[in-house]
Amino acid sequence: MRASTAVTAGALATAAVIASALVQAVGDDPVGTALGTALNVSVPAEYKTLIEDAGNTCSAVSPNLLAALLKQESNFGPKRKSPAGAQGIAQFMPSTWEKHGIDGNGDGKRDVWDPEDAIPSSAKYLCTISGEVEGVPGDKQNNMLAAYNAGSYAVRKAGGIPPFKETQNYVRSITALAGQPSGGKPTTTDQAAVAVNTAQEMIGTPYSWGGGNASGPSTGICCSPKGRSGTEITGFDCSGLTLYAYAKAGISLPRTAAQQYAASEPVKPGKVRPGDLVFYGDSPASIHHVGIYIGGGWMVDAPRPGTQVRYSPMDSMSDLFAVARPVSRHTKEI
């Protein structure tokens, strides 16, 4: 179903009331690197020790990097199965599991659905493919992550990260998440209110492919999948808008929609509130759109080339993937 270009006066009034209420609401409740030893990525308590232990399997892997990969792969869901057939918390394809899965907990079984087996198997597999792509031009860590997603052969054939959009997003998202500072907390309702109000102030701003930054609207880049360029248009694309809105609230978000999902905490149905980010795609690596939820099933977003920042219903796209809450992180001054 396509989104209408405007909402009813009642819906706009509702949005205004929500934003006003949020402004008055009471707030809710060492810097890491991708290859650092600190576990800065927020993980479920039951997996923390597993990830910390497995993250030291070899020098190519760290607990923080492994945690970021598992969050990207399954959001720590031990029973998740992808449309392509990938299984478990580490999303192993059956053939890959058959070759590389290990009995991590020593119970005599190699169970892809058991995190005690799958997490150490994931770390061991990363170590293995790190060796398989040794000598390939480019960043070693990025090549290893690309091989986890697309296979070592694809990385060797491409001479680096393959030209697959999903793989490129996958590498960027994990690297961004693994490099986040520690000490993150979900954004407060005050911060969410600022983001909502800022986004609403941009209603009517032109869409610009690659446009928008922490300072506001900007010219974009070339070119969209359909060949549309933003180089002569001052405005926002979807993630440029959300980046700007949250920058006004003092929250630094990564640039792409997939990276922003990786840097946020998923929100369960029934717990969604204005200011949360609404993501669209088939998987964490294929997320292609993001908007800012304002309440009542509506969001503010920059939909696509040829449109403007506007109010859109959440069901304006059929591949709603998740709603997530940005995480506020404190960076260490250098």
Protein backbone atom coordinates (compact mmCIF):
# COMPACT_ATOMS: atom_id res chain seq x y z
CA MET A 1 0.00 0.00 0.00
CA ARG A 2 1.40 3.41 -0.92
CA ALA A 3 1.55 6.18 1.68
CA SER A 4 -0.57 9.27 1.17
CA THR A 5 1.27 12.56 0.95
CA ALA A 6 -0.59 14.04 3.88
CA VAL A 7 -2.41 12.93 6.99
CA THR A 8 -5.73 14.09 8.30
CA ALA A 9 -6.01 17.09 10.56
CA GLY A 10 -6.90 14.71 13.38
CA ALA A 11 -3.73 12.70 12.89
CA LEU A 12 -1.64 15.87 12.81
CA ALA A 13 -3.27 17.07 15.99
CA THR A 14 -2.56 13.73 17.62
CA ALA A 15 1.09 13.98 16.61
CA ALA A 16 1.32 17.48 18.03
CA VAL A 17 -0.21 16.36 21.34
CA ILE A 18 2.22 13.43 21.54
CA ALA A 19 5.22 15.63 20.84
CA SER A 20 4.07 18.19 23.40
CA ALA A 21 3.55 15.50 26.03
CA LEU A 22 6.96 14.04 25.36
CA VAL A 23 8.67 17.36 26.02
CA GLN A 24 7.25 17.30 29.55
CA ALA A 25 7.86 13.60 30.13
CA VAL A 26 10.25 12.28 32.75
CA GLY A 27 13.34 10.51 31.36
CA ASP A 28 13.65 6.72 31.41
CA ASP A 29 15.78 4.89 32.88
CA PRO A 30 36.56 3.09 28.47
CA VAL A 31 35.80 3.58 24.62
CA GLY A 32 35.82 0.25 22.74
CA THR A 33 37.25 -0.66 19.37
CA ALA A 34 36.33 -3.44 16.99
CA LEU A 35 39.35 -5.48 17.96
CA GLY A 36 39.52 -4.37 21.58
CA THR A 37 39.09 -6.71 24.51
CA ALA A 38 36.22 -4.85 26.19
CA LEU A 39 32.68 -6.13 25.62
CA ASN A 40 30.94 -2.85 24.82
CA VAL A 41 28.03 -4.21 22.78
CA SER A 42 24.92 -4.76 24.88
CA VAL A 43 24.20 -8.51 25.01
CA PRO A 44 21.72 -10.68 26.96
CA ALA A 45 23.21 -11.68 30.31
CA GLU A 46 22.97 -15.41 29.54
CA TYR A 47 25.37 -15.04 26.60
CA LYS A 48 27.92 -12.65 28.07
CA THR A 49 30.37 -15.26 29.40
CA LEU A 50 30.03 -17.37 26.25
CA ILE A 51 30.87 -14.39 24.04
CA GLU A 52 33.73 -13.20 26.25
CA ASP A 53 35.31 -16.68 26.20
CA ALA A 54 34.73 -17.40 22.50
CA GLY A 55 35.84 -13.90 21.55
CA ASN A 56 39.39 -14.79 22.51
CA THR A 57 39.63 -17.86 20.23
CA CYS A 58 42.22 -16.17 17.99
CA SER A 59 43.78 -12.78 17.43
CA ALA A 60 41.45 -11.99 14.51
CA VAL A 61 38.39 -12.03 16.80
CA SER A 62 37.45 -10.10 19.93
CA PRO A 63 34.46 -10.39 22.29
CA ASN A 64 33.18 -7.04 21.06
CA LEU A 65 33.42 -7.98 17.40
CA LEU A 66 31.77 -11.36 18.01
CA ALA A 67 28.93 -9.71 19.94
CA ALA A 68 28.38 -7.21 17.13
CA LEU A 69 28.27 -10.02 14.58
CA LEU A 70 25.72 -12.03 16.59
CA LYS A 71 23.55 -8.95 17.08
CA GLN A 72 23.66 -8.29 13.35
CA GLU A 73 23.00 -11.91 12.42
CA SER A 74 20.09 -12.73 14.72
CA ASN A 75 19.78 -10.04 17.42
CA PHE A 76 20.79 -12.88 19.77
CA GLY A 77 17.81 -15.02 18.77
CA PRO A 78 18.81 -18.69 19.30
CA LYS A 79 15.84 -20.09 17.33
CA ARG A 80 15.93 -17.73 14.39
CA LYS A 81 15.81 -19.17 10.86
CA SER A 82 16.30 -16.91 7.85
CA PRO A 83 14.33 -17.19 4.58
CA ALA A 84 17.55 -18.51 2.99
CA GLY A 85 17.77 -21.30 5.58
CA ALA A 86 20.45 -19.90 7.92
CA GLN A 87 19.94 -21.23 11.44
CA GLY A 88 20.40 -20.23 15.05
CA ILE A 89 22.01 -17.37 16.90
CA ALA A 90 25.01 -17.30 14.54
CA GLN A 91 22.97 -17.98 11.37
CA PHE A 92 24.92 -20.94 10.00
CA MET A 93 23.79 -22.48 6.73
CA PRO A 94 23.40 -26.26 7.21
CA SER A 95 26.34 -27.09 4.94
CA THR A 96 28.60 -24.63 6.74
CA TRP A 97 27.52 -25.97 10.12
CA GLU A 98 28.21 -29.51 9.04
CA LYS A 99 31.79 -28.56 8.22
CA HIS A 100 32.58 -25.98 10.90
CA GLY A 101 30.17 -26.56 13.82
CA ILE A 102 31.75 -27.73 17.07
CA ASP A 103 30.51 -29.25 20.33
CA GLY A 104 31.16 -26.16 22.40
CA ASN A 105 29.68 -27.37 25.68
CA GLY A 106 31.04 -30.93 25.52
CA ASP A 107 27.69 -32.68 25.75
CA GLY A 108 28.46 -34.97 22.82
CA LYS A 109 26.24 -33.10 20.31
CA ARG A 110 26.83 -30.34 17.76
CA ASP A 111 23.57 -28.41 17.89
CA VAL A 112 23.25 -25.31 15.71
CA TRP A 113 20.25 -24.21 17.79
CA ASP A 114 22.23 -24.31 21.05
CA PRO A 115 24.10 -21.03 21.71
CA GLU A 116 26.65 -22.98 23.79
CA ASP A 117 27.67 -24.70 20.55
CA ALA A 118 26.85 -22.00 18.00
CA ILE A 119 28.68 -19.08 19.64
CA PRO A 120 32.09 -20.79 19.95
CA SER A 121 31.54 -22.29 16.48
CA SER A 122 30.99 -18.79 15.11
CA ALA A 123 34.25 -17.58 16.64
CA LYS A 124 36.15 -20.62 15.34
CA TYR A 125 34.69 -20.11 11.87
CA LEU A 126 35.77 -16.46 11.89
CA CYS A 127 39.29 -17.56 12.73
CA THR A 128 39.21 -20.09 9.89
CA ILE A 129 37.98 -17.68 7.22
CA SER A 130 40.40 -15.03 8.46
CA GLY A 131 43.14 -17.38 7.31
CA GLU A 132 41.32 -18.13 4.06
CA VAL A 133 41.27 -14.45 3.05
CA GLU A 134 44.79 -13.71 4.29
CA GLY A 135 46.62 -11.66 1.69
CA VAL A 136 43.49 -10.30 0.02
CA PRO A 137 43.85 -6.52 -0.51
CA GLY A 138 42.04 -4.24 1.91
CA ASP A 139 41.23 -4.29 5.60
CA LYS A 140 41.73 -7.78 7.10
CA GLN A 141 38.84 -7.50 9.52
CA ASN A 142 36.44 -6.24 6.85
CA ASN A 143 37.46 -9.06 4.52
CA MET A 144 36.87 -11.61 7.28
CA LEU A 145 33.39 -10.24 7.99
CA ALA A 146 32.57 -10.15 4.28
CA ALA A 147 33.63 -13.80 4.03
CA TYR A 148 31.29 -14.72 6.91
CA ASN A 149 28.42 -13.22 4.93
CA ALA A 150 29.32 -14.02 1.31
CA GLY A 151 31.95 -16.76 1.56
CA SER A 152 35.73 -16.72 1.33
CA TYR A 153 35.73 -17.50 -2.37
CA ALA A 154 33.65 -14.39 -3.16
CA VAL A 155 36.09 -12.22 -1.19
CA ARG A 156 39.13 -13.70 -2.91
CA LYS A 157 37.49 -13.39 -6.34
CA ALA A 158 36.55 -9.73 -5.74
CA GLY A 159 39.92 -8.88 -4.25
CA GLY A 160 38.20 -7.54 -1.14
CA ILE A 161 34.60 -6.91 -0.08
CA PRO A 162 32.37 -8.20 -2.92
CA PRO A 163 30.13 -5.68 -4.72
CA PHE A 164 27.01 -7.05 -3.04
CA LYS A 165 24.89 -4.41 -1.29
CA GLU A 166 23.92 -6.80 1.51
CA THR A 167 27.54 -7.75 2.20
CA GLN A 168 28.71 -4.14 2.11
CA ASN A 169 25.95 -3.11 4.56
CA TYR A 170 26.77 -6.14 6.71
CA VAL A 171 30.42 -5.17 7.07
CA ARG A 172 29.66 -1.49 7.70
CA SER A 173 27.01 -2.27 10.31
CA ILE A 174 29.10 -4.72 12.34
CA THR A 175 32.15 -2.46 12.22
CA ALA A 176 30.10 0.53 13.36
CA LEU A 177 28.48 -1.40 16.19
CA ALA A 178 31.73 -2.98 17.36
CA GLY A 179 33.37 0.44 17.44
CA GLN A 180 30.65 2.10 19.53
CA PRO A 181 31.71 3.57 22.87
CA SER A 182 30.63 1.69 25.98
CA GLY A 183 28.20 2.84 28.63
CA GLY A 184 25.20 3.18 26.33
CA LYS A 185 21.67 3.69 27.60
CA PRO A 186 18.40 3.85 25.66
CA THR A 187 17.41 7.39 24.81
CA THR A 188 15.19 9.21 27.27
CA THR A 189 11.71 10.51 26.47
CA ASP A 190 13.13 14.05 26.52
CA GLN A 191 15.67 13.13 23.85
CA ALA A 192 12.99 11.35 21.84
CA ALA A 193 10.79 14.45 22.02
CA VAL A 194 13.57 16.62 20.61
CA ALA A 195 14.11 14.15 17.77
CA VAL A 196 10.38 14.00 16.95
CA ASN A 197 10.01 17.78 16.98
CA THR A 198 13.14 18.25 14.87
CA ALA A 199 11.93 15.76 12.27
CA GLN A 200 8.51 17.41 12.10
CA GLU A 201 10.15 20.78 11.51
CA MET A 202 11.68 19.31 8.35
CA ILE A 203 8.30 18.39 6.79
CA GLY A 204 8.37 19.51 3.16
CA THR A 205 12.17 19.35 2.80
CA PRO A 206 13.13 17.69 -0.51
CA TYR A 207 14.44 14.14 -0.65
CA SER A 208 18.12 14.03 -1.62
CA TRP A 209 19.89 10.69 -2.19
CA GLY A 210 22.75 10.67 0.34
CA GLY A 211 21.67 14.07 1.67
CA GLY A 212 21.57 15.27 5.25
CA ASN A 213 24.00 15.23 8.16
CA ALA A 214 24.21 16.27 11.80
CA SER A 215 24.07 19.94 10.76
CA GLY A 216 20.91 19.65 8.68
CA PRO A 217 19.91 19.34 5.03
CA SER A 218 22.75 18.99 2.53
CA THR A 219 23.37 18.10 -1.08
CA GLY A 220 23.58 14.39 -1.68
CA ILE A 221 25.46 11.99 -3.91
CA CYS A 222 24.94 9.94 -7.05
CA CYS A 223 23.18 7.65 -7.56
CA SER A 224 20.16 5.72 -6.29
CA PRO A 225 19.43 2.19 -7.61
CA LYS A 226 17.18 3.84 -10.19
CA GLY A 227 19.81 6.38 -11.18
CA ARG A 228 18.50 9.39 -9.25
CA SER A 229 21.19 11.79 -8.07
CA GLY A 230 21.13 14.04 -5.03
CA THR A 231 24.14 16.12 -6.04
CA GLU A 232 22.01 19.14 -6.98
CA ILE A 233 19.31 18.73 -4.32
CA THR A 234 19.62 20.08 -0.78
CA GLY A 235 17.66 17.87 1.56
CA PHE A 236 17.61 14.49 3.30
CA ASP A 237 17.50 10.83 2.54
CA CYS A 238 15.84 8.59 5.13
CA SER A 239 18.85 8.00 7.38
CA GLY A 240 20.13 11.54 6.92
CA LEU A 241 16.87 12.78 8.45
CA THR A 242 17.05 10.46 11.46
CA LEU A 243 20.74 11.26 11.96
CA TYR A 244 19.97 14.99 12.03
CA ALA A 245 16.92 14.64 14.30
CA TYR A 246 18.87 12.70 16.90
CA ALA A 247 21.95 14.91 16.60
CA LYS A 248 19.72 17.73 17.82
CA ALA A 249 18.93 15.53 20.83
CA GLY A 250 22.63 14.99 21.52
CA ILE A 251 22.70 11.46 20.09
CA SER A 252 25.23 10.53 17.41
CA LEU A 253 23.87 7.93 14.97
CA PRO A 254 25.79 6.17 12.18
CA ARG A 255 25.02 7.23 8.61
CA THR A 256 23.06 4.36 7.03
CA ALA A 257 19.74 2.78 8.02
CA ALA A 258 21.37 -0.63 8.54
CA GLN A 259 24.06 0.89 10.76
CA GLN A 260 21.43 2.81 12.74
CA TYR A 261 19.55 -0.43 13.41
CA ALA A 262 22.76 -2.06 14.63
CA ALA A 263 23.33 0.89 16.98
CA SER A 264 19.81 0.70 18.47
CA GLU A 265 17.99 -1.63 20.84
CA PRO A 266 14.95 -3.46 19.39
CA VAL A 267 11.63 -2.62 21.05
CA LYS A 268 9.01 -5.28 21.72
CA PRO A 269 5.46 -4.81 20.36
CA GLY A 270 3.42 -2.86 22.86
CA LYS A 271 6.48 -1.00 24.11
CA VAL A 272 6.93 1.27 21.08
CA ARG A 273 6.93 4.99 21.85
CA PRO A 274 7.33 8.22 19.85
CA GLY A 275 10.94 8.78 18.86
CA ASP A 276 11.67 5.12 18.18
CA LEU A 277 13.08 4.30 14.76
CA VAL A 278 11.09 2.19 12.30
CA PHE A 279 13.17 -0.04 10.02
CA TYR A 280 12.31 -1.80 6.76
CA GLY A 281 14.05 -4.75 5.08
CA ASP A 282 14.28 -8.53 5.11
CA SER A 283 17.24 -8.86 7.48
CA PRO A 284 19.58 -6.62 9.51
CA ALA A 285 22.00 -6.46 6.58
CA SER A 286 19.32 -5.63 4.01
CA ILE A 287 17.60 -2.78 5.87
CA HIS A 288 16.90 -0.08 3.29
CA HIS A 289 14.63 2.48 4.99
CA VAL A 290 14.11 4.14 8.35
CA GLY A 291 11.62 6.62 9.78
CA ILE A 292 10.87 8.21 13.17
CA TYR A 293 7.72 6.97 14.91
CA ILE A 294 5.40 9.75 16.14
CA GLY A 295 2.49 7.70 17.50
CA GLY A 296 -0.82 6.36 16.27
CA GLY A 297 0.80 4.17 13.62
CA TRP A 298 2.47 7.14 11.89
CA MET A 299 6.07 8.17 11.32
CA VAL A 300 8.03 11.03 9.79
CA ASP A 301 10.32 9.92 6.99
CA ALA A 302 12.07 10.89 3.78
CA PRO A 303 10.57 8.19 1.52
CA ARG A 304 12.40 8.21 -1.82
CA PRO A 305 13.70 10.41 -4.67
CA GLY A 306 11.09 12.80 -6.00
CA THR A 307 9.28 13.14 -2.66
CA GLN A 308 9.64 15.32 0.43
CA VAL A 309 9.96 14.68 4.16
CA ARG A 310 6.42 13.82 5.22
CA TYR A 311 4.11 11.89 7.53
CA SER A 312 3.72 8.25 6.44
CA PRO A 313 1.80 5.32 7.95
CA MET A 314 4.01 2.53 9.26
CA ASP A 315 2.40 0.12 6.81
CA SER A 316 3.39 2.24 3.80
CA MET A 317 5.97 -0.46 3.04
CA SER A 318 5.28 -4.19 3.24
CA ASP A 319 8.66 -5.22 4.70
CA LEU A 320 8.54 -3.66 8.17
CA PHE A 321 11.45 -5.36 9.93
CA ALA A 322 11.66 -3.89 13.42
CA VAL A 323 11.23 -0.90 15.68
CA ALA A 324 14.30 0.01 17.71
CA ARG A 325 15.36 2.67 20.18
CA PRO A 326 18.61 4.60 19.63
CA VAL A 327 21.25 4.18 22.30
CA SER A 328 22.91 7.21 23.85
CA ARG A 329 26.64 6.62 24.27
CA HIS A 330 29.26 8.79 25.90
CA THR A 331 32.49 9.17 24.00
CA LYS A 332 35.86 9.68 25.60
CA GLU A 333 37.57 12.91 24.68
CA ILE A 334 40.89 12.50 22.92
